[in-house]
């Protein structure tokens, strides 16, 4: 009798189903992290650095497609000149990309 009991305890078929289901879930998370999460965080960091380094006379494009030149940098906003006598105030996070750095 004792011999059968030891055999049953060592048999991999007797492992809990939780342990066998945990490994694929961990692998899926690792794959998602390296394919989706990590690259997205890197892009967010680059965008934040770009916004923090913007200064007066930089030409930018907003998320809505407005092209303009920064004329004033405030704490949370930029003043953009979009035409000769037209200025608009926009949130810093609404800048999509830097068109041209001022010389």
PDB file of N, CA and C in Angstrom:
ATOM      1  N   UNK A   1       0.805  -1.191   0.000  1.00  0.00           N
ATOM      2  CA  UNK A   1       0.000   0.000   0.000  1.00  0.00           C
ATOM      3  C   UNK A   1       0.855   1.264   0.000  1.00  0.00           C
ATOM      4  N   UNK A   2       1.861   1.253   0.789  1.00  0.00           N
ATOM      5  CA  UNK A   2       2.699   2.428   0.904  1.00  0.00           C
ATOM      6  C   UNK A   2       3.356   2.748  -0.440  1.00  0.00           C
ATOM      7  N   UNK A   3       3.686   1.749  -1.183  1.00  0.00           N
ATOM      8  CA  UNK A   3       4.334   1.931  -2.464  1.00  0.00           C
ATOM      9  C   UNK A   3       3.402   2.656  -3.459  1.00  0.00           C
ATOM     10  N   UNK A   4       2.143   2.305  -3.513  1.00  0.00           N
ATOM     11  CA  UNK A   4       1.177   2.956  -4.405  1.00  0.00           C
ATOM     12  C   UNK A   4       0.973   4.423  -4.026  1.00  0.00           C
ATOM     13  N   UNK A   5       0.953   4.690  -2.776  1.00  0.00           N
ATOM     14  CA  UNK A   5       0.751   6.065  -2.324  1.00  0.00           C
ATOM     15  C   UNK A   5       1.904   6.964  -2.766  1.00  0.00           C
ATOM     16  N   UNK A   6       3.133   6.502  -2.667  1.00  0.00           N
ATOM     17  CA  UNK A   6       4.295   7.272  -3.105  1.00  0.00           C
ATOM     18  C   UNK A   6       4.271   7.468  -4.614  1.00  0.00           C
ATOM     19  N   UNK A   7       3.853   6.471  -5.360  1.00  0.00           N
ATOM     20  CA  UNK A   7       3.754   6.599  -6.802  1.00  0.00           C
ATOM     21  C   UNK A   7       2.740   7.669  -7.183  1.00  0.00           C
ATOM     22  N   UNK A   8       1.610   7.708  -6.512  1.00  0.00           N
ATOM     23  CA  UNK A   8       0.571   8.677  -6.821  1.00  0.00           C
ATOM     24  C   UNK A   8       1.012  10.101  -6.483  1.00  0.00           C
ATOM     25  N   UNK A   9       1.778  10.272  -5.431  1.00  0.00           N
ATOM     26  CA  UNK A   9       2.229  11.599  -5.049  1.00  0.00           C
ATOM     27  C   UNK A   9       3.242  12.158  -6.039  1.00  0.00           C
ATOM     28  N   UNK A  10       4.022  11.314  -6.678  1.00  0.00           N
ATOM     29  CA  UNK A  10       5.047  11.769  -7.600  1.00  0.00           C
ATOM     30  C   UNK A  10       4.530  11.861  -9.034  1.00  0.00           C
ATOM     31  N   UNK A  11       3.368  11.384  -9.304  1.00  0.00           N
ATOM     32  CA  UNK A  11       2.813  11.388 -10.637  1.00  0.00           C
ATOM     33  C   UNK A  11       2.440  12.822 -11.027  1.00  0.00           C
ATOM     34  N   UNK A  12       2.966  13.346 -12.166  1.00  0.00           N
ATOM     35  CA  UNK A  12       2.660  14.721 -12.566  1.00  0.00           C
ATOM     36  C   UNK A  12       1.183  14.932 -12.874  1.00  0.00           C
ATOM     37  N   UNK A  13       0.467  13.896 -13.165  1.00  0.00           N
ATOM     38  CA  UNK A  13      -0.959  14.034 -13.452  1.00  0.00           C
ATOM     39  C   UNK A  13      -1.739  14.442 -12.210  1.00  0.00           C
ATOM     40  N   UNK A  14      -1.155  14.267 -11.037  1.00  0.00           N
ATOM     41  CA  UNK A  14      -1.836  14.613  -9.802  1.00  0.00           C
ATOM     42  C   UNK A  14      -1.554  16.046  -9.346  1.00  0.00           C
ATOM     43  N   UNK A  15      -0.850  16.843 -10.144  1.00  0.00           N
ATOM     44  CA  UNK A  15      -0.594  18.232  -9.776  1.00  0.00           C
ATOM     45  C   UNK A  15      -1.888  19.025  -9.869  1.00  0.00           C
ATOM     46  N   UNK A  16      -1.930  20.113  -9.149  1.00  0.00           N
ATOM     47  CA  UNK A  16      -3.147  20.926  -9.154  1.00  0.00           C
ATOM     48  C   UNK A  16      -3.323  21.578 -10.525  1.00  0.00           C
ATOM     49  N   UNK A  17      -4.559  21.758 -10.960  1.00  0.00           N
ATOM     50  CA  UNK A  17      -4.792  22.399 -12.261  1.00  0.00           C
ATOM     51  C   UNK A  17      -4.370  23.870 -12.270  1.00  0.00           C
ATOM     52  N   UNK A  18      -4.339  24.499 -11.106  1.00  0.00           N
ATOM     53  CA  UNK A  18      -3.915  25.891 -11.010  1.00  0.00           C
ATOM     54  C   UNK A  18      -2.467  26.058 -11.471  1.00  0.00           C
ATOM     55  N   UNK A  19      -1.610  25.151 -11.061  1.00  0.00           N
ATOM     56  CA  UNK A  19      -0.195  25.239 -11.428  1.00  0.00           C
ATOM     57  C   UNK A  19      -0.013  25.058 -12.933  1.00  0.00           C
ATOM     58  N   UNK A  20      -0.782  24.206 -13.538  1.00  0.00           N
ATOM     59  CA  UNK A  20      -0.636  23.973 -14.973  1.00  0.00           C
ATOM     60  C   UNK A  20      -1.225  25.126 -15.788  1.00  0.00           C
ATOM     61  N   UNK A  21      -2.176  25.871 -15.227  1.00  0.00           N
ATOM     62  CA  UNK A  21      -2.761  27.001 -15.943  1.00  0.00           C
ATOM     63  C   UNK A  21      -1.973  28.291 -15.725  1.00  0.00           C
ATOM     64  N   UNK A  22      -1.192  28.355 -14.679  1.00  0.00           N
ATOM     65  CA  UNK A  22      -0.458  29.568 -14.348  1.00  0.00           C
ATOM     66  C   UNK A  22       0.664  29.865 -15.347  1.00  0.00           C
ATOM     67  N   UNK A  23       1.352  28.870 -15.808  1.00  0.00           N
ATOM     68  CA  UNK A  23       2.491  29.073 -16.703  1.00  0.00           C
ATOM     69  C   UNK A  23       2.080  29.725 -18.031  1.00  0.00           C
ATOM     70  N   UNK A  24       1.045  29.273 -18.716  1.00  0.00           N
ATOM     71  CA  UNK A  24       0.666  29.967 -19.962  1.00  0.00           C
ATOM     72  C   UNK A  24       0.233  31.412 -19.735  1.00  0.00           C
ATOM     73  N   UNK A  25      -0.417  31.693 -18.625  1.00  0.00           N
ATOM     74  CA  UNK A  25      -0.827  33.064 -18.330  1.00  0.00           C
ATOM     75  C   UNK A  25       0.395  33.953 -18.130  1.00  0.00           C
ATOM     76  N   UNK A  26       1.383  33.448 -17.445  1.00  0.00           N
ATOM     77  CA  UNK A  26       2.632  34.198 -17.244  1.00  0.00           C
ATOM     78  C   UNK A  26       3.324  34.438 -18.575  1.00  0.00           C
ATOM     79  N   UNK A  27       3.366  33.444 -19.425  1.00  0.00           N
ATOM     80  CA  UNK A  27       4.012  33.590 -20.735  1.00  0.00           C
ATOM     81  C   UNK A  27       3.272  34.611 -21.597  1.00  0.00           C
ATOM     82  N   UNK A  28       1.948  34.608 -21.560  1.00  0.00           N
ATOM     83  CA  UNK A  28       1.167  35.578 -22.325  1.00  0.00           C
ATOM     84  C   UNK A  28       1.455  36.988 -21.830  1.00  0.00           C
ATOM     85  N   UNK A  29       1.540  37.173 -20.514  1.00  0.00           N
ATOM     86  CA  UNK A  29       1.848  38.489 -19.963  1.00  0.00           C
ATOM     87  C   UNK A  29       3.233  38.952 -20.419  1.00  0.00           C
ATOM     88  N   UNK A  30       4.208  38.080 -20.396  1.00  0.00           N
ATOM     89  CA  UNK A  30       5.567  38.440 -20.818  1.00  0.00           C
ATOM     90  C   UNK A  30       5.577  38.856 -22.284  1.00  0.00           C
ATOM     91  N   UNK A  31       4.870  38.119 -23.123  1.00  0.00           N
ATOM     92  CA  UNK A  31       4.808  38.450 -24.546  1.00  0.00           C
ATOM     93  C   UNK A  31       4.139  39.811 -24.744  1.00  0.00           C
ATOM     94  N   UNK A  32       3.007  40.040 -24.076  1.00  0.00           N
ATOM     95  CA  UNK A  32       2.325  41.328 -24.187  1.00  0.00           C
ATOM     96  C   UNK A  32       3.207  42.464 -23.690  1.00  0.00           C
ATOM     97  N   UNK A  33       3.962  42.233 -22.634  1.00  0.00           N
ATOM     98  CA  UNK A  33       4.822  43.273 -22.093  1.00  0.00           C
ATOM     99  C   UNK A  33       5.842  43.715 -23.134  1.00  0.00           C
ATOM    100  N   UNK A  34       6.529  42.756 -23.761  1.00  0.00           N
ATOM    101  CA  UNK A  34       7.586  43.112 -24.695  1.00  0.00           C
ATOM    102  C   UNK A  34       7.065  43.565 -26.052  1.00  0.00           C
ATOM    103  N   UNK A  35       5.863  43.175 -26.433  1.00  0.00           N
ATOM    104  CA  UNK A  35       5.327  43.572 -27.732  1.00  0.00           C
ATOM    105  C   UNK A  35       4.512  44.859 -27.645  1.00  0.00           C
ATOM    106  N   UNK A  36       3.760  45.053 -26.562  1.00  0.00           N
ATOM    107  CA  UNK A  36       2.856  46.198 -26.483  1.00  0.00           C
ATOM    108  C   UNK A  36       3.217  47.212 -25.407  1.00  0.00           C
ATOM    109  N   UNK A  37       3.379  46.778 -24.187  1.00  0.00           N
ATOM    110  CA  UNK A  37       3.507  47.695 -23.051  1.00  0.00           C
ATOM    111  C   UNK A  37       4.829  48.446 -23.072  1.00  0.00           C
ATOM    112  N   UNK A  38       5.936  47.735 -23.202  1.00  0.00           N
ATOM    113  CA  UNK A  38       7.248  48.375 -23.144  1.00  0.00           C
ATOM    114  C   UNK A  38       7.466  49.384 -24.275  1.00  0.00           C
ATOM    115  N   UNK A  39       7.163  49.047 -25.533  1.00  0.00           N
ATOM    116  CA  UNK A  39       7.330  50.058 -26.587  1.00  0.00           C
ATOM    117  C   UNK A  39       6.439  51.283 -26.393  1.00  0.00           C
ATOM    118  N   UNK A  40       5.224  51.077 -25.885  1.00  0.00           N
ATOM    119  CA  UNK A  40       4.330  52.209 -25.647  1.00  0.00           C
ATOM    120  C   UNK A  40       4.894  53.133 -24.577  1.00  0.00           C
ATOM    121  N   UNK A  41       5.452  52.571 -23.526  1.00  0.00           N
ATOM    122  CA  UNK A  41       6.063  53.394 -22.472  1.00  0.00           C
ATOM    123  C   UNK A  41       7.253  54.171 -23.003  1.00  0.00           C
ATOM    124  N   UNK A  42       8.046  53.545 -23.876  1.00  0.00           N
ATOM    125  CA  UNK A  42       9.191  54.245 -24.450  1.00  0.00           C
ATOM    126  C   UNK A  42       8.744  55.414 -25.317  1.00  0.00           C
ATOM    127  N   UNK A  43       7.684  55.224 -26.101  1.00  0.00           N
ATOM    128  CA  UNK A  43       7.153  56.309 -26.922  1.00  0.00           C
ATOM    129  C   UNK A  43       6.627  57.445 -26.053  1.00  0.00           C
ATOM    130  N   UNK A  44       5.936  57.109 -24.968  1.00  0.00           N
ATOM    131  CA  UNK A  44       5.430  58.137 -24.058  1.00  0.00           C
ATOM    132  C   UNK A  44       6.566  58.936 -23.448  1.00  0.00           C
ATOM    133  N   UNK A  45       7.652  58.251 -23.096  1.00  0.00           N
ATOM    134  CA  UNK A  45       8.801  58.934 -22.507  1.00  0.00           C
ATOM    135  C   UNK A  45       9.449  59.873 -23.526  1.00  0.00           C
ATOM    136  N   UNK A  46       9.593  59.425 -24.781  1.00  0.00           N
ATOM    137  CA  UNK A  46      10.156  60.279 -25.828  1.00  0.00           C
ATOM    138  C   UNK A  46       9.285  61.516 -26.050  1.00  0.00           C
ATOM    139  N   UNK A  47       7.967  61.323 -26.064  1.00  0.00           N
ATOM    140  CA  UNK A  47       7.045  62.448 -26.283  1.00  0.00           C
ATOM    141  C   UNK A  47       7.139  63.445 -25.127  1.00  0.00           C
ATOM    142  N   UNK A  48       7.195  62.927 -23.901  1.00  0.00           N
ATOM    143  CA  UNK A  48       7.307  63.810 -22.736  1.00  0.00           C
ATOM    144  C   UNK A  48       8.613  64.601 -22.775  1.00  0.00           C
ATOM    145  N   UNK A  49       9.714  63.941 -23.136  1.00  0.00           N
ATOM    146  CA  UNK A  49      11.000  64.629 -23.246  1.00  0.00           C
ATOM    147  C   UNK A  49      10.963  65.700 -24.338  1.00  0.00           C
ATOM    148  N   UNK A  50      10.314  65.378 -25.468  1.00  0.00           N
ATOM    149  CA  UNK A  50      10.210  66.344 -26.557  1.00  0.00           C
ATOM    150  C   UNK A  50       9.428  67.573 -26.104  1.00  0.00           C
ATOM    151  N   UNK A  51       8.322  67.361 -25.402  1.00  0.00           N
ATOM    152  CA  UNK A  51       7.511  68.484 -24.920  1.00  0.00           C
ATOM    153  C   UNK A  51       8.285  69.328 -23.913  1.00  0.00           C
ATOM    154  N   UNK A  52       9.018  68.684 -23.023  1.00  0.00           N
ATOM    155  CA  UNK A  52       9.783  69.425 -22.016  1.00  0.00           C
ATOM    156  C   UNK A  52      10.920  70.235 -22.630  1.00  0.00           C
ATOM    157  N   UNK A  53      11.395  69.850 -23.826  1.00  0.00           N
ATOM    158  CA  UNK A  53      12.511  70.550 -24.462  1.00  0.00           C
ATOM    159  C   UNK A  53      12.073  71.584 -25.488  1.00  0.00           C
ATOM    160  N   UNK A  54      10.761  71.761 -25.691  1.00  0.00           N
ATOM    161  CA  UNK A  54      10.293  72.768 -26.638  1.00  0.00           C
ATOM    162  C   UNK A  54      10.545  74.164 -26.087  1.00  0.00           C
ATOM    163  N   UNK A  55      10.858  75.073 -26.994  1.00  0.00           N
ATOM    164  CA  UNK A  55      11.122  76.451 -26.580  1.00  0.00           C
ATOM    165  C   UNK A  55      10.574  77.411 -27.630  1.00  0.00           C
ATOM    166  N   UNK A  56      10.695  78.675 -27.348  1.00  0.00           N
ATOM    167  CA  UNK A  56      10.193  79.736 -28.225  1.00  0.00           C
ATOM    168  C   UNK A  56      10.793  79.589 -29.621  1.00  0.00           C
ATOM    169  N   UNK A  57       9.964  79.845 -30.648  1.00  0.00           N
ATOM    170  CA  UNK A  57      10.311  79.800 -32.074  1.00  0.00           C
ATOM    171  C   UNK A  57      10.422  78.394 -32.653  1.00  0.00           C
ATOM    172  N   UNK A  58      10.103  77.364 -31.892  1.00  0.00           N
ATOM    173  CA  UNK A  58      10.051  76.014 -32.456  1.00  0.00           C
ATOM    174  C   UNK A  58       8.770  75.860 -33.260  1.00  0.00           C
ATOM    175  N   UNK A  59       8.872  75.245 -34.424  1.00  0.00           N
ATOM    176  CA  UNK A  59       7.699  74.988 -35.252  1.00  0.00           C
ATOM    177  C   UNK A  59       7.164  73.601 -34.909  1.00  0.00           C
ATOM    178  N   UNK A  60       5.867  73.547 -34.582  1.00  0.00           N
ATOM    179  CA  UNK A  60       5.261  72.302 -34.118  1.00  0.00           C
ATOM    180  C   UNK A  60       3.958  72.034 -34.863  1.00  0.00           C
ATOM    181  N   UNK A  61       3.491  70.798 -34.729  1.00  0.00           N
ATOM    182  CA  UNK A  61       2.188  70.391 -35.245  1.00  0.00           C
ATOM    183  C   UNK A  61       1.413  69.797 -34.077  1.00  0.00           C
ATOM    184  N   UNK A  62       0.150  70.222 -33.919  1.00  0.00           N
ATOM    185  CA  UNK A  62      -0.679  69.708 -32.831  1.00  0.00           C
ATOM    186  C   UNK A  62      -1.346  68.405 -33.247  1.00  0.00           C
ATOM    187  N   UNK A  63      -1.951  67.724 -32.278  1.00  0.00           N
ATOM    188  CA  UNK A  63      -2.680  66.484 -32.567  1.00  0.00           C
ATOM    189  C   UNK A  63      -3.833  66.714 -33.526  1.00  0.00           C
ATOM    190  N   UNK A  64      -4.393  67.914 -33.540  1.00  0.00           N
ATOM    191  CA  UNK A  64      -5.510  68.217 -34.436  1.00  0.00           C
ATOM    192  C   UNK A  64      -5.036  68.698 -35.808  1.00  0.00           C
ATOM    193  N   UNK A  65      -3.730  68.779 -36.015  1.00  0.00           N
ATOM    194  CA  UNK A  65      -3.193  69.137 -37.324  1.00  0.00           C
ATOM    195  C   UNK A  65      -2.896  70.608 -37.515  1.00  0.00           C
ATOM    196  N   UNK A  66      -2.942  71.397 -36.464  1.00  0.00           N
ATOM    197  CA  UNK A  66      -2.646  72.827 -36.570  1.00  0.00           C
ATOM    198  C   UNK A  66      -1.135  73.023 -36.552  1.00  0.00           C
ATOM    199  N   UNK A  67      -0.628  73.720 -37.563  1.00  0.00           N
ATOM    200  CA  UNK A  67       0.792  74.031 -37.646  1.00  0.00           C
ATOM    201  C   UNK A  67       1.003  75.420 -37.074  1.00  0.00           C
ATOM    202  N   UNK A  68       2.026  75.559 -36.253  1.00  0.00           N
ATOM    203  CA  UNK A  68       2.280  76.863 -35.667  1.00  0.00           C
ATOM    204  C   UNK A  68       3.678  76.978 -35.109  1.00  0.00           C
ATOM    205  N   UNK A  69       3.996  78.180 -34.661  1.00  0.00           N
ATOM    206  CA  UNK A  69       5.291  78.479 -34.055  1.00  0.00           C
ATOM    207  C   UNK A  69       5.053  78.902 -32.616  1.00  0.00           C
ATOM    208  N   UNK A  70       5.822  78.331 -31.712  1.00  0.00           N
ATOM    209  CA  UNK A  70       5.678  78.659 -30.293  1.00  0.00           C
ATOM    210  C   UNK A  70       6.191  80.081 -30.058  1.00  0.00           C
ATOM    211  N   UNK A  71       5.334  80.916 -29.447  1.00  0.00           N
ATOM    212  CA  UNK A  71       5.750  82.286 -29.135  1.00  0.00           C
ATOM    213  C   UNK A  71       5.888  82.507 -27.635  1.00  0.00           C
ATOM    214  N   UNK A  72       5.293  81.619 -26.828  1.00  0.00           N
ATOM    215  CA  UNK A  72       5.389  81.760 -25.386  1.00  0.00           C
ATOM    216  C   UNK A  72       5.212  80.385 -24.741  1.00  0.00           C
ATOM    217  N   UNK A  73       6.064  80.088 -23.774  1.00  0.00           N
ATOM    218  CA  UNK A  73       5.976  78.825 -23.038  1.00  0.00           C
ATOM    219  C   UNK A  73       5.498  79.138 -21.629  1.00  0.00           C
ATOM    220  N   UNK A  74       4.382  78.537 -21.246  1.00  0.00           N
ATOM    221  CA  UNK A  74       3.851  78.704 -19.897  1.00  0.00           C
ATOM    222  C   UNK A  74       4.001  77.379 -19.154  1.00  0.00           C
ATOM    223  N   UNK A  75       3.509  77.335 -17.926  1.00  0.00           N
ATOM    224  CA  UNK A  75       3.667  76.137 -17.110  1.00  0.00           C
ATOM    225  C   UNK A  75       2.979  74.917 -17.734  1.00  0.00           C
ATOM    226  N   UNK A  76       1.716  75.085 -18.149  1.00  0.00           N
ATOM    227  CA  UNK A  76       0.962  73.962 -18.693  1.00  0.00           C
ATOM    228  C   UNK A  76       0.520  74.158 -20.131  1.00  0.00           C
ATOM    229  N   UNK A  77       0.794  75.316 -20.708  1.00  0.00           N
ATOM    230  CA  UNK A  77       0.332  75.605 -22.066  1.00  0.00           C
ATOM    231  C   UNK A  77       1.422  76.265 -22.897  1.00  0.00           C
ATOM    232  N   UNK A  78       1.155  76.308 -24.210  1.00  0.00           N
ATOM    233  CA  UNK A  78       1.983  77.054 -25.165  1.00  0.00           C
ATOM    234  C   UNK A  78       1.094  78.059 -25.863  1.00  0.00           C
ATOM    235  N   UNK A  79       1.670  79.202 -26.232  1.00  0.00           N
ATOM    236  CA  UNK A  79       1.000  80.137 -27.136  1.00  0.00           C
ATOM    237  C   UNK A  79       1.603  79.879 -28.509  1.00  0.00           C
ATOM    238  N   UNK A  80       0.736  79.551 -29.485  1.00  0.00           N
ATOM    239  CA  UNK A  80       1.186  79.294 -30.852  1.00  0.00           C
ATOM    240  C   UNK A  80       0.763  80.431 -31.762  1.00  0.00           C
ATOM    241  N   UNK A  81       1.670  80.817 -32.640  1.00  0.00           N
ATOM    242  CA  UNK A  81       1.326  81.760 -33.698  1.00  0.00           C
ATOM    243  C   UNK A  81       1.009  80.902 -34.923  1.00  0.00           C
ATOM    244  N   UNK A  82      -0.252  80.989 -35.387  1.00  0.00           N
ATOM    245  CA  UNK A  82      -0.662  80.187 -36.534  1.00  0.00           C
ATOM    246  C   UNK A  82      -0.761  81.031 -37.802  1.00  0.00           C
ATOM    247  N   UNK A  83      -0.800  82.353 -37.665  1.00  0.00           N
ATOM    248  CA  UNK A  83      -0.803  83.281 -38.787  1.00  0.00           C
ATOM    249  C   UNK A  83      -0.210  84.599 -38.285  1.00  0.00           C
ATOM    250  N   UNK A  84      -0.157  85.598 -39.126  1.00  0.00           N
ATOM    251  CA  UNK A  84       0.512  86.851 -38.758  1.00  0.00           C
ATOM    252  C   UNK A  84      -0.003  87.443 -37.451  1.00  0.00           C
ATOM    253  N   UNK A  85      -1.289  87.622 -37.301  1.00  0.00           N
ATOM    254  CA  UNK A  85      -1.830  88.212 -36.081  1.00  0.00           C
ATOM    255  C   UNK A  85      -2.768  87.255 -35.359  1.00  0.00           C
ATOM    256  N   UNK A  86      -2.529  85.981 -35.510  1.00  0.00           N
ATOM    257  CA  UNK A  86      -3.400  84.978 -34.889  1.00  0.00           C
ATOM    258  C   UNK A  86      -2.565  84.103 -33.959  1.00  0.00           C
ATOM    259  N   UNK A  87      -2.918  84.151 -32.681  1.00  0.00           N
ATOM    260  CA  UNK A  87      -2.246  83.313 -31.681  1.00  0.00           C
ATOM    261  C   UNK A  87      -3.308  82.504 -30.954  1.00  0.00           C
ATOM    262  N   UNK A  88      -2.959  81.251 -30.637  1.00  0.00           N
ATOM    263  CA  UNK A  88      -3.862  80.397 -29.864  1.00  0.00           C
ATOM    264  C   UNK A  88      -3.084  79.782 -28.707  1.00  0.00           C
ATOM    265  N   UNK A  89      -3.792  79.520 -27.642  1.00  0.00           N
ATOM    266  CA  UNK A  89      -3.177  78.880 -26.486  1.00  0.00           C
ATOM    267  C   UNK A  89      -3.614  77.422 -26.461  1.00  0.00           C
ATOM    268  N   UNK A  90      -2.647  76.515 -26.363  1.00  0.00           N
ATOM    269  CA  UNK A  90      -2.954  75.086 -26.380  1.00  0.00           C
ATOM    270  C   UNK A  90      -2.262  74.391 -25.209  1.00  0.00           C
ATOM    271  N   UNK A  91      -2.795  73.251 -24.815  1.00  0.00           N
ATOM    272  CA  UNK A  91      -2.178  72.431 -23.778  1.00  0.00           C
ATOM    273  C   UNK A  91      -0.875  71.839 -24.309  1.00  0.00           C
ATOM    274  N   UNK A  92       0.089  71.648 -23.438  1.00  0.00           N
ATOM    275  CA  UNK A  92       1.378  71.092 -23.852  1.00  0.00           C
ATOM    276  C   UNK A  92       1.233  69.687 -24.429  1.00  0.00           C
ATOM    277  N   UNK A  93       0.344  68.888 -23.846  1.00  0.00           N
ATOM    278  CA  UNK A  93       0.191  67.511 -24.317  1.00  0.00           C
ATOM    279  C   UNK A  93      -0.452  67.398 -25.686  1.00  0.00           C
ATOM    280  N   UNK A  94      -0.976  68.503 -26.214  1.00  0.00           N
ATOM    281  CA  UNK A  94      -1.618  68.433 -27.527  1.00  0.00           C
ATOM    282  C   UNK A  94      -0.620  68.594 -28.675  1.00  0.00           C
ATOM    283  N   UNK A  95       0.654  68.749 -28.375  1.00  0.00           N
ATOM    284  CA  UNK A  95       1.681  68.809 -29.419  1.00  0.00           C
ATOM    285  C   UNK A  95       1.965  67.387 -29.893  1.00  0.00           C
ATOM    286  N   UNK A  96       1.838  67.175 -31.206  1.00  0.00           N
ATOM    287  CA  UNK A  96       2.096  65.848 -31.763  1.00  0.00           C
ATOM    288  C   UNK A  96       3.584  65.649 -32.041  1.00  0.00           C
ATOM    289  N   UNK A  97       4.178  66.630 -32.740  1.00  0.00           N
ATOM    290  CA  UNK A  97       5.606  66.510 -33.030  1.00  0.00           C
ATOM    291  C   UNK A  97       6.206  67.862 -33.373  1.00  0.00           C
ATOM    292  N   UNK A  98       7.515  67.886 -33.330  1.00  0.00           N
ATOM    293  CA  UNK A  98       8.300  69.074 -33.635  1.00  0.00           C
ATOM    294  C   UNK A  98       8.617  69.059 -35.119  1.00  0.00           C
ATOM    295  N   UNK A  99       8.202  70.117 -35.833  1.00  0.00           N
ATOM    296  CA  UNK A  99       8.482  70.201 -37.268  1.00  0.00           C
ATOM    297  C   UNK A  99       9.920  70.607 -37.532  1.00  0.00           C
ATOM    298  N   UNK A 100      10.311  71.719 -36.934  1.00  0.00           N
ATOM    299  CA  UNK A 100      11.639  72.236 -37.194  1.00  0.00           C
ATOM    300  C   UNK A 100      12.127  72.975 -35.956  1.00  0.00           C
ATOM    301  N   UNK A 101      13.343  72.692 -35.571  1.00  0.00           N
ATOM    302  CA  UNK A 101      13.950  73.351 -34.408  1.00  0.00           C
ATOM    303  C   UNK A 101      14.420  74.736 -34.826  1.00  0.00           C
ATOM    304  N   UNK A 102      14.177  75.712 -33.981  1.00  0.00           N
ATOM    305  CA  UNK A 102      14.628  77.079 -34.258  1.00  0.00           C
ATOM    306  C   UNK A 102      16.151  77.106 -34.219  1.00  0.00           C
ATOM    307  N   UNK A 103      16.734  77.857 -35.156  1.00  0.00           N
ATOM    308  CA  UNK A 103      18.197  77.928 -35.230  1.00  0.00           C
ATOM    309  C   UNK A 103      18.754  78.869 -34.201  1.00  0.00           C
TER     310      UNK A 103
END
